[in-house]
């Protein structure tokens, strides 16, 4: 068996294929991991180096981002190995049929959860396996009832080298959102808490940097989520981060209090808000309580965990103007990250099956993105695409935090600001230009110049501070505020060592200069007034805090 994994990035991994390979003897399977950016020729080369038979069997796991690559790859493979059999499963093909299969290079379509099927297949001999698969076209698999039996998917040697471990503590979702593939499964099944704790012990002992729970709604039920989070706190190794997807209506006081007692960055969360509009929530079968964001607001206020919120543009009954209202309402929560996503009409979902009822025009190939409906025109959709780009490049980038806070304080229409920035970036991309950090700053400053109420010089000073704190090397427009940390500056800084006990006393001013980075502060960022004295924003290598250095008064922490 040849397991062929194609991921979006090298640090990602496909959990399903890793589950299934455990049912085959080590000398009977080969595992290949590729990314979507690799040329097909390199994939064929890698596979060819391990194929030593004329009847190879391949298994692929398809998602919207890799299914077309799989098709091209296995067209080549079938030309080279005409007797090869290719099995494919995964979310992207779970609702395909024989007509789709006959037009593809795939031989067997696995629909549903394949754990039991591959366990039985692995028990057969290689000859029996091949002959058995030749008799199949579509295999409909039942849901796995005992999740304790599926394991983790990773070998002990792999765990030690993982950057991200994808982990499954439950399957299914308690909700039935009509745009989501998870709505097509009924109920939720759980691994036992004892097994989950034992497996988490292994991941934490090996200091895996990120454990990404793929549970669709980790905090359903809340009591179970709290027990697992408390256990994670008890085994915390000081370096691992656990990522969870939460339902907003189930973020209650008890859950927030549990999270409040965790160290910084032990937990991070992704929460699907999707829309603020009740009629759209009703249309997509999301429960009305999803509009209760009080727990989400309290979670964001903790500041010890990264909170990522999602909005979906293009839902039924939500117009362009109403989406703007949703956007502004969610922005008011001040999340660490806001993803503006375009609605995808995924195969098999209730919404895609009723697309005509809402007048949807959408791509018939991956990623099935909508382009218009009865509520949003194509012209408005293009504006939303620009908003998505601008939000991603500004709000979700640490290089503009002070600036965006300033613009908000001046009551700038941030929806339009992000959209305008996004328009320019997308226009550049259509010409084959992909603007880097310096170009983005130029675009932002050009846009800011349109606002009389904004001090452009102050804005640039803020961007310089933002980039210093984000660890971005100063260049372009912001370089004017960069301070060269020479020996003279270091000696001035070193005079106030008593105010800065984190500096090792044995370090010389010359050694300190190698660890300091600073920018000149021309303005007070709290009241936007021009400063009448020489001040610098300073960061010191290895320390998280940032400091204000006043050559006349000394050093203090910078808010």
Protein backbone atom coordinates (compact mmCIF):
# COMPACT_ATOMS: atom_id res chain seq x y z
CA UNK A 1 0.00 0.00 0.00
CA UNK A 2 1.24 3.46 -0.90
CA UNK A 3 -0.23 6.20 1.29
CA UNK A 4 -0.03 9.55 -0.51
CA UNK A 5 -0.55 12.67 1.58
CA UNK A 6 -0.72 16.13 -0.03
CA UNK A 7 -0.89 18.98 2.48
CA UNK A 8 -1.12 22.74 2.19
CA UNK A 9 2.11 23.16 4.19
CA UNK A 10 4.97 20.92 5.26
CA UNK A 11 4.13 21.26 8.97
CA UNK A 12 0.61 19.88 8.36
CA UNK A 13 -0.27 16.20 8.42
CA UNK A 14 -3.21 14.03 7.34
CA UNK A 15 -4.60 12.19 10.33
CA UNK A 16 -6.88 9.80 8.40
CA UNK A 17 -4.07 8.27 6.34
CA UNK A 18 -1.97 7.90 9.46
CA UNK A 19 -4.80 6.09 11.20
CA UNK A 20 -5.19 3.63 8.30
CA UNK A 21 -1.53 2.77 7.80
CA UNK A 22 -1.39 1.14 11.25
CA UNK A 23 -3.48 -1.75 9.86
CA UNK A 24 -0.73 -2.73 7.40
CA UNK A 25 2.57 -4.42 8.19
CA UNK A 26 5.58 -2.10 8.08
CA UNK A 27 7.11 -3.97 5.16
CA UNK A 28 3.80 -3.74 3.26
CA UNK A 29 3.28 0.00 3.16
CA UNK A 30 5.10 3.18 2.17
CA UNK A 31 4.09 6.63 3.35
CA UNK A 32 4.70 9.71 1.18
CA UNK A 33 4.09 13.30 2.32
CA UNK A 34 3.96 16.11 -0.23
CA UNK A 35 2.73 19.70 -0.30
CA UNK A 36 0.53 21.42 -2.86
CA UNK A 37 3.50 23.55 -3.95
CA UNK A 38 5.67 20.64 -5.05
CA UNK A 39 5.91 19.93 -8.78
CA UNK A 40 4.25 16.72 -9.94
CA UNK A 41 7.57 15.49 -11.29
CA UNK A 42 9.09 15.44 -7.78
CA UNK A 43 6.09 13.52 -6.46
CA UNK A 44 6.37 10.95 -9.25
CA UNK A 45 10.11 10.64 -8.58
CA UNK A 46 9.57 10.05 -4.86
CA UNK A 47 6.85 7.46 -5.48
CA UNK A 48 8.84 5.76 -8.22
CA UNK A 49 11.81 5.22 -5.91
CA UNK A 50 9.68 3.02 -3.64
CA UNK A 51 7.47 1.17 -6.16
CA UNK A 52 8.83 -2.27 -6.97
CA UNK A 53 5.68 -4.03 -8.20
CA UNK A 54 3.47 -3.82 -11.26
CA UNK A 55 0.22 -3.79 -9.24
CA UNK A 56 0.70 -1.00 -6.71
CA UNK A 57 -2.24 0.16 -4.58
CA UNK A 58 -2.45 3.84 -3.65
CA UNK A 59 -4.60 5.63 -1.09
CA UNK A 60 -5.36 9.37 -1.23
CA UNK A 61 -7.29 11.64 1.16
CA UNK A 62 -9.04 14.47 -0.66
CA UNK A 63 -9.86 18.00 0.48
CA UNK A 64 -10.86 21.03 -1.55
CA UNK A 65 -7.23 22.22 -1.69
CA UNK A 66 -5.65 19.01 -2.98
CA UNK A 67 -8.21 16.98 -4.98
CA UNK A 68 -7.25 18.49 -8.35
CA UNK A 69 -3.56 17.84 -7.64
CA UNK A 70 -4.37 14.23 -6.79
CA UNK A 71 -6.22 13.87 -10.11
CA UNK A 72 -3.24 15.16 -12.10
CA UNK A 73 -0.77 13.06 -10.12
CA UNK A 74 -2.65 9.80 -10.55
CA UNK A 75 -3.27 10.41 -14.25
CA UNK A 76 0.51 10.30 -14.56
CA UNK A 77 0.85 7.34 -12.24
CA UNK A 78 -1.73 5.31 -14.17
CA UNK A 79 0.18 5.99 -17.40
CA UNK A 80 3.36 4.69 -15.79
CA UNK A 81 1.75 1.80 -13.87
CA UNK A 82 -1.33 0.77 -15.91
CA UNK A 83 -2.30 -1.97 -13.45
CA UNK A 84 -2.23 0.34 -10.43
CA UNK A 85 -5.33 0.76 -8.28
CA UNK A 86 -6.06 4.13 -6.67
CA UNK A 87 -8.39 4.45 -3.69
CA UNK A 88 -9.63 7.89 -2.68
CA UNK A 89 -11.66 9.13 0.28
CA UNK A 90 -11.96 12.27 2.34
CA UNK A 91 -14.42 15.16 2.80
CA UNK A 92 -14.12 16.45 -0.76
CA UNK A 93 -15.28 13.17 -2.34
CA UNK A 94 -17.58 11.72 0.31
CA UNK A 95 -20.64 12.83 -1.64
CA UNK A 96 -19.42 12.00 -5.14
CA UNK A 97 -20.96 9.23 -7.22
CA UNK A 98 -20.10 6.67 -9.91
CA UNK A 99 -20.34 9.24 -12.70
CA UNK A 100 -17.64 11.35 -11.00
CA UNK A 101 -15.54 8.24 -10.38
CA UNK A 102 -15.73 7.10 -14.01
CA UNK A 103 -14.39 10.47 -15.19
CA UNK A 104 -11.45 10.38 -12.80
CA UNK A 105 -8.17 8.42 -12.52
CA UNK A 106 -9.43 6.84 -9.28
CA UNK A 107 -10.66 3.25 -9.09
CA UNK A 108 -12.37 2.97 -5.70
CA UNK A 109 -14.27 5.68 -3.85
CA UNK A 110 -14.35 5.37 -0.06
CA UNK A 111 -17.29 7.29 1.41
CA UNK A 112 -17.57 7.85 5.14
CA UNK A 113 -15.18 6.79 7.91
CA UNK A 114 -12.76 4.20 6.55
CA UNK A 115 -11.28 2.89 9.81
CA UNK A 116 -13.10 -0.45 9.86
CA UNK A 117 -12.75 -0.97 6.10
CA UNK A 118 -8.96 -0.55 6.19
CA UNK A 119 -8.63 -2.69 9.28
CA UNK A 120 -10.25 -5.54 7.34
CA UNK A 121 -8.24 -4.76 4.21
CA UNK A 122 -4.99 -4.86 6.17
CA UNK A 123 -5.77 -8.38 7.37
CA UNK A 124 -5.73 -9.70 3.78
CA UNK A 125 -2.62 -10.82 1.92
CA UNK A 126 -1.24 -8.54 -0.81
CA UNK A 127 -2.67 -10.76 -3.56
CA UNK A 128 -6.07 -11.05 -1.87
CA UNK A 129 -6.11 -7.31 -1.28
CA UNK A 130 -5.56 -6.44 -4.92
CA UNK A 131 -8.11 -8.92 -6.25
CA UNK A 132 -10.69 -7.82 -3.69
CA UNK A 133 -10.29 -4.14 -4.52
CA UNK A 134 -10.70 -4.86 -8.25
CA UNK A 135 -14.28 -5.90 -7.49
CA UNK A 136 -15.15 -2.59 -5.81
CA UNK A 137 -16.15 0.83 -7.06
CA UNK A 138 -17.85 2.66 -4.19
CA UNK A 139 -17.54 1.64 -0.54
CA UNK A 140 -19.95 3.24 1.94
CA UNK A 141 -18.45 2.96 5.41
CA UNK A 142 -20.29 3.09 8.71
CA UNK A 143 -19.29 5.50 11.47
CA UNK A 144 -16.79 4.18 14.00
CA UNK A 145 -18.50 3.65 17.35
CA UNK A 146 -15.46 3.03 19.55
CA UNK A 147 -13.06 5.93 19.08
CA UNK A 148 -10.75 4.56 21.76
CA UNK A 149 -9.67 1.93 19.22
CA UNK A 150 -8.44 4.33 16.51
CA UNK A 151 -5.21 5.39 18.24
CA UNK A 152 -3.40 8.66 17.60
CA UNK A 153 -2.11 8.11 14.07
CA UNK A 154 1.51 8.96 14.88
CA UNK A 155 4.41 6.67 15.69
CA UNK A 156 6.58 7.44 18.72
CA UNK A 157 9.45 8.56 16.49
CA UNK A 158 7.15 10.91 14.55
CA UNK A 159 5.78 12.51 17.71
CA UNK A 160 9.26 13.58 18.75
CA UNK A 161 9.69 15.48 15.46
CA UNK A 162 6.21 17.00 15.12
CA UNK A 163 5.65 20.76 15.01
CA UNK A 164 1.86 20.37 14.89
CA UNK A 165 0.09 17.27 16.18
CA UNK A 166 -3.47 16.96 14.90
CA UNK A 167 -5.53 15.30 17.59
CA UNK A 168 -9.08 13.95 17.63
CA UNK A 169 -10.95 13.65 20.93
CA UNK A 170 -14.40 13.46 19.32
CA UNK A 171 -16.16 13.08 15.97
CA UNK A 172 -19.30 14.77 14.79
CA UNK A 173 -20.94 18.06 15.68
CA UNK A 174 -24.00 18.82 17.85
CA UNK A 175 -25.17 21.45 15.36
CA UNK A 176 -26.54 21.31 11.82
CA UNK A 177 -25.23 24.43 10.07
CA UNK A 178 -26.41 24.06 6.49
CA UNK A 179 -23.13 25.24 4.86
CA UNK A 180 -20.98 22.77 6.79
CA UNK A 181 -20.05 19.21 5.85
CA UNK A 182 -20.19 18.23 9.54
CA UNK A 183 -23.94 18.85 9.53
CA UNK A 184 -24.36 15.65 7.50
CA UNK A 185 -23.29 13.42 10.39
CA UNK A 186 -25.65 12.72 13.25
CA UNK A 187 -24.61 13.18 16.85
CA UNK A 188 -21.21 13.31 18.50
CA UNK A 189 -18.99 10.40 19.52
CA UNK A 190 -16.18 10.77 22.06
CA UNK A 191 -12.96 9.13 23.01
CA UNK A 192 -13.02 8.25 26.69
CA UNK A 193 -11.43 10.81 28.97
CA UNK A 194 -8.95 8.20 30.22
CA UNK A 195 -7.65 7.57 26.69
CA UNK A 196 -7.52 11.27 25.83
CA UNK A 197 -5.53 12.02 28.98
CA UNK A 198 -3.11 9.16 28.31
CA UNK A 199 -2.49 10.35 24.76
CA UNK A 200 -2.08 13.98 25.84
CA UNK A 201 0.51 12.81 28.37
CA UNK A 202 2.53 11.41 25.48
CA UNK A 203 2.31 14.60 23.42
CA UNK A 204 3.20 16.87 26.33
CA UNK A 205 6.07 14.62 27.45
CA UNK A 206 7.53 14.96 23.94
CA UNK A 207 7.12 18.76 24.02
CA UNK A 208 5.10 18.94 20.80
CA UNK A 209 4.86 22.71 20.10
CA UNK A 210 1.22 22.74 18.93
CA UNK A 211 -1.58 20.25 19.57
CA UNK A 212 -4.44 21.09 17.24
CA UNK A 213 -7.69 19.47 18.30
CA UNK A 214 -9.78 18.81 15.20
CA UNK A 215 -13.00 18.36 17.19
CA UNK A 216 -15.70 20.41 15.49
CA UNK A 217 -17.04 21.78 18.81
CA UNK A 218 -14.60 21.11 21.63
CA UNK A 219 -16.76 22.80 24.29
CA UNK A 220 -19.78 20.54 23.72
CA UNK A 221 -20.37 19.56 26.43
CA UNK A 222 -18.75 22.28 28.52
CA UNK A 223 -18.20 20.01 31.54
CA UNK A 224 -16.01 17.64 29.51
CA UNK A 225 -14.06 20.55 27.98
CA UNK A 226 -13.35 21.98 31.43
CA UNK A 227 -12.12 18.62 32.74
CA UNK A 228 -9.73 18.24 29.81
CA UNK A 229 -8.46 21.82 30.11
CA UNK A 230 -7.85 21.38 33.82
CA UNK A 231 -5.92 18.21 33.06
CA UNK A 232 -3.87 20.00 30.40
CA UNK A 233 -3.03 22.70 32.95
CA UNK A 234 -1.84 19.99 35.36
CA UNK A 235 0.58 18.48 32.80
CA UNK A 236 1.68 21.78 31.24
CA UNK A 237 5.30 21.63 30.11
CA UNK A 238 5.64 25.38 29.68
CA UNK A 239 5.97 25.30 25.89
CA UNK A 240 3.07 23.44 24.23
CA UNK A 241 0.02 25.29 22.90
CA UNK A 242 -3.37 23.58 22.47
CA UNK A 243 -5.69 24.84 19.74
CA UNK A 244 -9.47 24.33 20.02
CA UNK A 245 -12.57 25.19 18.00
CA UNK A 246 -15.33 26.50 20.24
CA UNK A 247 -19.00 27.30 19.81
CA UNK A 248 -19.64 30.91 20.93
CA UNK A 249 -22.85 30.14 22.83
CA UNK A 250 -21.10 27.52 24.99
CA UNK A 251 -18.34 29.83 26.22
CA UNK A 252 -19.77 30.26 29.72
CA UNK A 253 -18.40 31.72 32.93
CA UNK A 254 -17.06 28.38 34.22
CA UNK A 255 -15.10 27.81 31.00
CA UNK A 256 -13.69 31.35 31.03
CA UNK A 257 -12.59 30.93 34.66
CA UNK A 258 -10.82 27.68 33.77
CA UNK A 259 -8.96 29.38 30.93
CA UNK A 260 -8.14 32.40 33.12
CA UNK A 261 -5.99 30.16 35.33
CA UNK A 262 -3.80 28.96 32.47
CA UNK A 263 -0.36 30.26 31.56
CA UNK A 264 -0.05 32.57 28.58
CA UNK A 265 -0.39 30.75 25.24
CA UNK A 266 -1.26 27.37 26.72
CA UNK A 267 -4.60 27.67 24.92
CA UNK A 268 -5.67 29.29 21.68
CA UNK A 269 -9.15 29.31 20.23
CA UNK A 270 -10.99 29.56 16.93
CA UNK A 271 -14.63 30.58 17.25
CA UNK A 272 -17.08 30.70 14.37
CA UNK A 273 -19.27 33.78 14.75
CA UNK A 274 -20.21 33.67 11.01
CA UNK A 275 -22.85 36.43 11.17
CA UNK A 276 -24.55 38.83 13.58
CA UNK A 277 -27.87 38.63 11.73
CA UNK A 278 -30.62 36.50 13.26
CA UNK A 279 -32.42 35.88 9.97
CA UNK A 280 -29.20 34.53 8.46
CA UNK A 281 -28.54 32.37 11.53
CA UNK A 282 -32.03 30.92 11.16
CA UNK A 283 -31.56 30.29 7.44
CA UNK A 284 -28.40 28.24 8.03
CA UNK A 285 -29.85 26.32 11.01
CA UNK A 286 -27.59 27.84 13.63
CA UNK A 287 -29.28 28.03 17.03
CA UNK A 288 -30.38 31.55 18.11
CA UNK A 289 -28.08 31.44 21.15
CA UNK A 290 -25.12 31.65 18.73
CA UNK A 291 -25.77 35.41 18.83
CA UNK A 292 -24.79 35.48 22.52
CA UNK A 293 -21.16 36.66 22.48
CA UNK A 294 -20.82 37.61 26.16
CA UNK A 295 -18.56 34.64 26.87
CA UNK A 296 -16.44 35.37 23.80
CA UNK A 297 -15.98 38.96 24.95
CA UNK A 298 -14.88 37.77 28.40
CA UNK A 299 -12.48 35.26 26.83
CA UNK A 300 -10.82 37.93 24.67
CA UNK A 301 -10.49 40.19 27.73
CA UNK A 302 -8.32 37.59 29.50
CA UNK A 303 -5.35 38.38 27.21
CA UNK A 304 -3.64 35.09 28.09
CA UNK A 305 -4.88 33.22 25.01
CA UNK A 306 -5.06 33.93 21.29
CA UNK A 307 -8.67 34.23 20.08
CA UNK A 308 -9.41 33.86 16.36
CA UNK A 309 -12.94 34.72 15.19
CA UNK A 310 -14.51 33.78 11.85
CA UNK A 311 -17.09 35.58 9.70
CA UNK A 312 -18.62 34.18 6.51
CA UNK A 313 -19.62 36.55 3.72
CA UNK A 314 -22.42 35.39 1.42
CA UNK A 315 -24.85 33.71 3.82
CA UNK A 316 -28.56 33.73 2.92
CA UNK A 317 -30.42 36.98 3.59
CA UNK A 318 -27.30 38.93 4.61
CA UNK A 319 -26.81 41.88 2.26
CA UNK A 320 -23.55 43.78 1.74
CA UNK A 321 -24.71 46.48 4.18
CA UNK A 322 -25.71 43.89 6.75
CA UNK A 323 -22.39 42.11 6.42
CA UNK A 324 -20.69 45.41 7.16
CA UNK A 325 -22.77 45.60 10.34
CA UNK A 326 -21.70 42.06 11.28
CA UNK A 327 -18.07 42.94 10.58
CA UNK A 328 -18.19 46.06 12.74
CA UNK A 329 -19.94 44.20 15.58
CA UNK A 330 -17.32 41.46 15.65
CA UNK A 331 -14.45 43.96 15.34
CA UNK A 332 -15.83 45.68 18.44
CA UNK A 333 -14.99 42.49 20.38
CA UNK A 334 -11.29 43.19 19.60
CA UNK A 335 -10.24 39.64 18.67
CA UNK A 336 -6.59 38.78 18.09
CA UNK A 337 -7.45 37.60 14.58
CA UNK A 338 -10.53 38.08 12.42
CA UNK A 339 -10.88 35.90 9.36
CA UNK A 340 -13.28 37.15 6.72
CA UNK A 341 -14.10 34.07 4.68
CA UNK A 342 -16.12 33.77 1.51
CA UNK A 343 -18.92 31.20 1.61
CA UNK A 344 -17.97 27.85 0.03
CA UNK A 345 -20.80 25.79 -1.45
CA UNK A 346 -19.46 22.41 -0.34
CA UNK A 347 -20.70 19.25 -2.02
CA UNK A 348 -23.49 17.46 -0.22
CA UNK A 349 -24.37 20.25 2.17
CA UNK A 350 -27.95 21.39 2.56
CA UNK A 351 -27.04 24.89 1.40
CA UNK A 352 -25.41 23.71 -1.82
CA UNK A 353 -28.45 21.53 -2.52
CA UNK A 354 -30.73 24.55 -2.16
CA UNK A 355 -28.43 27.01 -3.96
CA UNK A 356 -31.06 27.87 -6.59
CA UNK A 357 -33.51 28.97 -3.91
CA UNK A 358 -31.16 31.79 -2.96
CA UNK A 359 -29.91 32.59 -6.45
CA UNK A 360 -26.32 31.51 -5.81
CA UNK A 361 -23.73 31.74 -8.58
CA UNK A 362 -20.61 29.89 -7.50
CA UNK A 363 -17.58 28.05 -8.79
CA UNK A 364 -18.30 24.46 -9.81
CA UNK A 365 -14.73 23.43 -9.01
CA UNK A 366 -12.75 23.71 -5.75
CA UNK A 367 -13.00 25.73 -3.60
CA UNK A 368 -16.65 26.27 -4.71
CA UNK A 369 -16.64 29.92 -3.71
CA UNK A 370 -19.83 31.94 -4.13
CA UNK A 371 -19.77 35.00 -6.40
CA UNK A 372 -23.27 36.39 -6.04
CA UNK A 373 -26.71 35.58 -4.71
CA UNK A 374 -30.08 37.26 -4.28
CA UNK A 375 -28.65 39.50 -1.56
CA UNK A 376 -25.13 40.36 -2.76
CA UNK A 377 -24.26 41.40 -6.31
CA UNK A 378 -21.03 40.48 -8.09
CA UNK A 379 -19.86 44.10 -7.67
CA UNK A 380 -20.40 43.86 -3.92
CA UNK A 381 -18.70 40.45 -3.82
CA UNK A 382 -15.57 41.98 -5.34
CA UNK A 383 -15.62 44.62 -2.61
CA UNK A 384 -15.86 41.86 -0.01
CA UNK A 385 -12.85 40.14 -1.55
CA UNK A 386 -10.93 43.41 -1.15
CA UNK A 387 -12.11 43.65 2.47
CA UNK A 388 -10.87 40.11 3.08
CA UNK A 389 -7.43 40.99 1.67
CA UNK A 390 -7.12 44.27 3.55
CA UNK A 391 -8.19 42.75 6.86
CA UNK A 392 -5.71 39.92 6.47
CA UNK A 393 -2.79 42.20 5.55
CA UNK A 394 -3.47 44.85 8.22
CA UNK A 395 -5.61 43.67 11.13
CA UNK A 396 -4.18 40.15 11.20
CA UNK A 397 -0.61 41.42 10.92
CA UNK A 398 1.20 42.42 14.11
CA UNK A 399 2.91 45.24 12.24
CA UNK A 400 0.01 47.72 12.56
CA UNK A 401 -1.39 47.43 16.11
CA UNK A 402 -0.70 50.97 17.35
CA UNK A 403 -1.79 52.43 14.02
CA UNK A 404 -5.15 50.64 13.94
CA UNK A 405 -5.86 51.64 17.53
CA UNK A 406 -5.21 55.26 16.56
CA UNK A 407 -7.45 55.08 13.49
CA UNK A 408 -10.25 53.57 15.59
CA UNK A 409 -9.89 56.35 18.15
CA UNK A 410 -10.34 58.85 15.32
CA UNK A 411 -13.58 57.10 14.29
CA UNK A 412 -12.29 56.12 10.87
CA UNK A 413 -14.63 53.75 9.00
CA UNK A 414 -12.36 50.71 9.31
CA UNK A 415 -14.48 48.53 7.04
CA UNK A 416 -13.90 50.99 4.21
CA UNK A 417 -10.27 51.50 5.19
CA UNK A 418 -9.48 47.78 4.99
CA UNK A 419 -11.47 47.49 1.77
CA UNK A 420 -9.59 50.38 0.13
CA UNK A 421 -6.22 48.90 1.08
CA UNK A 422 -7.34 45.50 -0.18
CA UNK A 423 -8.45 46.96 -3.52
CA UNK A 424 -4.95 48.26 -4.21
CA UNK A 425 -3.27 45.02 -3.13
CA UNK A 426 -5.56 42.89 -5.29
CA UNK A 427 -5.03 45.20 -8.24
CA UNK A 428 -1.27 44.74 -7.85
CA UNK A 429 -1.74 40.97 -7.73
CA UNK A 430 -3.65 41.00 -11.03
CA UNK A 431 -0.48 42.48 -12.55
CA UNK A 432 1.70 39.78 -11.07
CA UNK A 433 2.93 41.98 -8.21
CA UNK A 434 2.85 40.67 -4.64
CA UNK A 435 3.50 43.64 -2.35
CA UNK A 436 5.87 43.08 0.56
CA UNK A 437 5.97 44.89 3.88
CA UNK A 438 7.52 48.11 2.55
CA UNK A 439 4.98 48.36 -0.25
CA UNK A 440 2.10 47.73 2.15
CA UNK A 441 3.34 50.59 4.33
CA UNK A 442 3.45 52.86 1.26
CA UNK A 443 -0.12 51.88 0.36
CA UNK A 444 -1.31 52.50 3.92
CA UNK A 445 0.37 55.89 4.14
CA UNK A 446 -1.11 56.94 0.80
CA UNK A 447 -4.57 55.98 2.07
CA UNK A 448 -4.03 57.79 5.38
CA UNK A 449 -3.14 60.96 3.48
CA UNK A 450 -6.79 61.13 2.37
CA UNK A 451 -7.94 61.72 5.97
CA UNK A 452 -7.48 65.28 7.26
CA UNK A 453 -8.06 64.17 10.85
CA UNK A 454 -5.08 61.79 10.76
CA UNK A 455 -1.54 62.97 11.50
CA UNK A 456 0.50 61.11 8.87
CA UNK A 457 3.79 61.65 10.70
CA UNK A 458 2.34 60.20 13.91
CA UNK A 459 0.91 57.27 11.92
CA UNK A 460 4.34 56.47 10.48
CA UNK A 461 5.92 56.71 13.94
CA UNK A 462 3.35 54.20 15.15
CA UNK A 463 4.08 51.82 12.27
CA UNK A 464 7.78 52.01 13.16
CA UNK A 465 6.91 51.05 16.74
CA UNK A 466 4.61 48.26 15.55
CA UNK A 467 7.30 46.78 13.35
CA UNK A 468 9.91 46.96 16.11
CA UNK A 469 7.64 45.00 18.45
CA UNK A 470 6.79 42.52 15.70
CA UNK A 471 10.48 41.85 15.09
CA UNK A 472 10.44 43.31 11.58
CA UNK A 473 13.70 44.83 10.39
CA UNK A 474 13.11 48.54 9.68
CA UNK A 475 13.28 49.55 6.04
CA UNK A 476 11.56 51.82 3.57
CA UNK A 477 9.55 54.68 5.05
CA UNK A 478 9.85 53.56 8.68
CA UNK A 479 13.66 53.52 8.61
CA UNK A 480 13.63 57.24 9.39
CA UNK A 481 12.56 56.36 12.93
CA UNK A 482 15.03 53.53 13.44
CA UNK A 483 17.72 54.18 16.04
CA UNK A 484 21.20 52.81 15.46
CA UNK A 485 22.11 51.24 18.80
CA UNK A 486 25.78 52.18 19.01
CA UNK A 487 28.13 52.13 21.97
CA UNK A 488 27.27 55.73 22.91
CA UNK A 489 23.56 54.93 23.08
CA UNK A 490 24.27 51.73 25.02
CA UNK A 491 26.30 53.62 27.60
CA UNK A 492 23.43 56.04 28.14
CA UNK A 493 21.08 53.09 28.50
CA UNK A 494 23.48 51.26 30.83
CA UNK A 495 23.54 54.23 33.24
CA UNK A 496 20.04 53.25 34.32
CA UNK A 497 20.81 49.57 34.91
CA UNK A 498 19.26 49.77 38.38
CA UNK A 499 15.92 50.49 36.71
CA UNK A 500 16.42 47.52 34.42
CA UNK A 501 17.47 44.53 36.59
CA UNK A 502 16.89 42.07 33.74
CA UNK A 503 20.21 43.16 32.21
CA UNK A 504 23.03 41.00 33.44
CA UNK A 505 25.45 43.20 35.34
CA UNK A 506 28.47 41.53 33.78
CA UNK A 507 27.47 42.65 30.27
CA UNK A 508 29.43 45.55 28.87
CA UNK A 509 27.73 48.41 27.06
CA UNK A 510 29.19 47.03 23.81
CA UNK A 511 27.59 43.64 24.46
CA UNK A 512 24.31 45.33 25.37
CA UNK A 513 24.32 47.17 22.04
CA UNK A 514 24.12 43.83 20.25
CA UNK A 515 20.94 42.89 22.14
CA UNK A 516 19.06 46.18 22.02
CA UNK A 517 16.78 47.41 19.26
CA UNK A 518 15.17 50.83 19.41
CA UNK A 519 13.11 53.37 17.51
CA UNK A 520 12.82 57.09 18.12
CA UNK A 521 9.49 58.18 19.59
CA UNK A 522 8.47 61.58 18.30
CA UNK A 523 4.94 61.40 19.74
CA UNK A 524 3.14 60.31 22.87
CA UNK A 525 0.93 57.43 21.70
CA UNK A 526 -1.61 57.99 24.50
CA UNK A 527 -2.62 61.56 23.70
CA UNK A 528 -0.94 61.88 20.27
CA UNK A 529 1.00 64.97 21.40
CA UNK A 530 4.41 65.89 20.04
CA UNK A 531 7.11 65.05 22.61
CA UNK A 532 9.50 67.77 23.73
CA UNK A 533 12.20 65.37 24.93
CA UNK A 534 14.31 62.56 23.53
CA UNK A 535 12.58 59.20 24.05
CA UNK A 536 12.98 55.74 22.56
CA UNK A 537 10.96 52.56 22.44
CA UNK A 538 13.34 49.74 23.30
CA UNK A 539 13.19 45.96 23.11
CA UNK A 540 15.83 43.68 24.57
CA UNK A 541 16.66 40.32 23.03
CA UNK A 542 15.09 37.47 25.00
CA UNK A 543 12.64 39.64 26.96
CA UNK A 544 8.95 39.93 26.11
CA UNK A 545 8.39 43.31 27.72
CA UNK A 546 9.04 46.58 25.91
CA UNK A 547 10.53 49.67 27.53
CA UNK A 548 10.41 53.43 27.22
CA UNK A 549 13.87 54.98 27.47
CA UNK A 550 14.02 58.65 28.41
CA UNK A 551 17.65 59.76 28.32
CA UNK A 552 16.96 62.31 31.09
CA UNK A 553 14.67 60.23 33.35
CA UNK A 554 15.60 56.60 32.77
CA UNK A 555 13.72 53.43 31.85
CA UNK A 556 10.17 52.27 32.47
CA UNK A 557 7.85 49.67 31.01
CA UNK A 558 5.96 50.76 27.89
CA UNK A 559 2.20 50.04 27.70
